[in-house]
Amino acid sequence: MLALGRKPRPDLPELDFFEVATAPVVIEQMDAGGIDLAVLDGESAPAGGLGIAKQLKDEIDECPPVVVLTGRPDDAWLANWSRAEAAVSHPIDPMQLTHAVTSILLAR
């Protein structure tokens, strides 16, 4: 959230963040709608963001776009497998994350 800030681009509305801590709540909130984009931690435990992204894409008909945060650049293939629209690796580069998020939001 700090890497993105509330207003990453002047041509986008201010971002609202909704932070959750468990996989069931992520799935529940995404299924309920009202989320424009999800940023998931691919390294979280016990349920990783890559697996959650795959589940969301498989189970929600009009799933919002997903950005996954991976442990290393070599994990990009896992992000591809999860069907996430973008992946950003640790350590988080604010410019790279902002570009990934804003590109997806502008395309919508």
Protein backbone atom coordinates (compact mmCIF):
# COMPACT_ATOMS: atom_id res chain seq x y z
CA MET A 1 0.00 0.00 0.00
CA LEU A 2 2.87 2.34 0.74
CA ALA A 3 4.51 1.51 -2.60
CA LEU A 4 1.35 2.50 -4.51
CA GLY A 5 0.10 5.42 -2.48
CA ARG A 6 -3.47 6.68 -2.66
CA LYS A 7 -3.16 8.44 -6.05
CA PRO A 8 -0.54 6.73 -8.23
CA ARG A 9 -1.66 8.53 -11.42
CA PRO A 10 -3.56 11.76 -11.97
CA ASP A 11 -5.85 10.12 -14.55
CA LEU A 12 -7.07 7.47 -12.10
CA PRO A 13 -9.35 7.96 -9.11
CA GLU A 14 -7.91 7.73 -5.62
CA LEU A 15 -7.30 4.14 -4.54
CA ASP A 16 -9.18 2.60 -1.64
CA PHE A 17 -7.48 -0.34 0.04
CA PHE A 18 -9.23 -3.28 1.66
CA GLU A 19 -6.78 -5.44 3.56
CA VAL A 20 -7.59 -9.00 4.63
CA ALA A 21 -5.51 -11.66 6.34
CA THR A 22 -6.90 -15.06 5.40
CA ALA A 23 -7.67 -16.96 2.21
CA PRO A 24 -11.34 -17.55 3.06
CA VAL A 25 -11.91 -13.81 3.52
CA VAL A 26 -10.12 -13.02 0.23
CA ILE A 27 -12.37 -15.47 -1.61
CA GLU A 28 -15.49 -14.21 0.17
CA GLN A 29 -14.74 -10.56 -0.62
CA MET A 30 -13.80 -11.21 -4.24
CA ASP A 31 -16.92 -13.31 -4.73
CA ALA A 32 -19.09 -10.54 -3.23
CA GLY A 33 -17.87 -8.06 -5.84
CA GLY A 34 -16.89 -4.44 -5.57
CA ILE A 35 -13.16 -5.14 -5.86
CA ASP A 36 -11.49 -3.70 -8.96
CA LEU A 37 -8.09 -5.33 -8.51
CA ALA A 38 -6.44 -7.65 -6.00
CA VAL A 39 -2.80 -7.64 -4.96
CA LEU A 40 -1.96 -11.00 -3.38
CA ASP A 41 1.17 -12.05 -1.52
CA GLY A 42 2.51 -15.11 -3.27
CA GLU A 43 4.70 -15.93 -0.27
CA SER A 44 1.97 -15.88 2.39
CA ALA A 45 1.31 -18.96 4.50
CA PRO A 46 -0.52 -21.20 4.96
CA ALA A 47 -2.36 -20.31 1.74
CA GLY A 48 -0.18 -18.54 -0.81
CA GLY A 49 -1.40 -15.79 -3.08
CA LEU A 50 -0.49 -17.77 -6.19
CA GLY A 51 -2.83 -20.62 -5.25
CA ILE A 52 -5.53 -18.18 -4.19
CA ALA A 53 -5.19 -16.34 -7.52
CA LYS A 54 -5.62 -19.63 -9.40
CA GLN A 55 -8.67 -20.53 -7.32
CA LEU A 56 -10.24 -17.10 -7.86
CA LYS A 57 -9.69 -17.29 -11.63
CA ASP A 58 -11.12 -20.82 -11.74
CA GLU A 59 -14.18 -20.14 -9.57
CA ILE A 60 -15.30 -16.54 -10.20
CA ASP A 61 -16.81 -15.96 -13.63
CA GLU A 62 -15.87 -12.29 -13.92
CA CYS A 63 -12.89 -12.29 -11.61
CA PRO A 64 -11.22 -8.93 -11.17
CA PRO A 65 -7.58 -8.69 -12.24
CA VAL A 66 -4.93 -10.00 -9.87
CA VAL A 67 -1.35 -8.90 -9.26
CA VAL A 68 0.78 -11.36 -7.30
CA LEU A 69 3.88 -10.52 -5.30
CA THR A 70 6.44 -13.26 -5.82
CA GLY A 71 9.53 -14.17 -3.84
CA ARG A 72 11.89 -13.81 -6.79
CA PRO A 73 11.79 -12.92 -10.49
CA ASP A 74 12.20 -16.60 -11.44
CA ASP A 75 8.74 -17.27 -9.97
CA ALA A 76 7.05 -15.42 -12.84
CA TRP A 77 6.08 -18.80 -14.35
CA LEU A 78 4.02 -19.50 -11.22
CA ALA A 79 2.21 -16.21 -11.68
CA ASN A 80 1.49 -17.22 -15.25
CA TRP A 81 0.15 -20.59 -14.02
CA SER A 82 -2.08 -18.79 -11.51
CA ARG A 83 -3.53 -16.69 -14.36
CA ALA A 84 -2.63 -13.45 -12.59
CA GLU A 85 -2.54 -10.45 -14.88
CA ALA A 86 0.85 -9.34 -13.49
CA ALA A 87 3.60 -10.33 -11.09
CA VAL A 88 6.04 -8.18 -9.15
CA SER A 89 8.91 -9.78 -7.27
CA HIS A 90 10.41 -8.99 -3.90
CA PRO A 91 12.00 -6.70 -2.98
CA ILE A 92 9.08 -4.56 -4.12
CA ASP A 93 10.08 -1.80 -6.50
CA PRO A 94 7.42 0.92 -6.07
CA MET A 95 7.76 2.00 -9.71
CA GLN A 96 7.31 -1.55 -11.02
CA LEU A 97 4.31 -2.21 -8.78
CA THR A 98 2.73 1.13 -9.68
CA HIS A 99 3.22 0.45 -13.38
CA ALA A 100 1.66 -3.04 -13.10
CA VAL A 101 -1.35 -1.84 -11.12
CA THR A 102 -2.05 1.32 -13.09
CA SER A 103 -1.65 -0.43 -16.46
CA ILE A 104 -4.28 -2.97 -15.45
CA LEU A 105 -6.65 -0.34 -14.05
CA LEU A 106 -6.33 1.88 -17.13
CA ALA A 107 -7.06 -1.09 -19.42
CA ARG A 108 -10.33 -1.72 -17.58
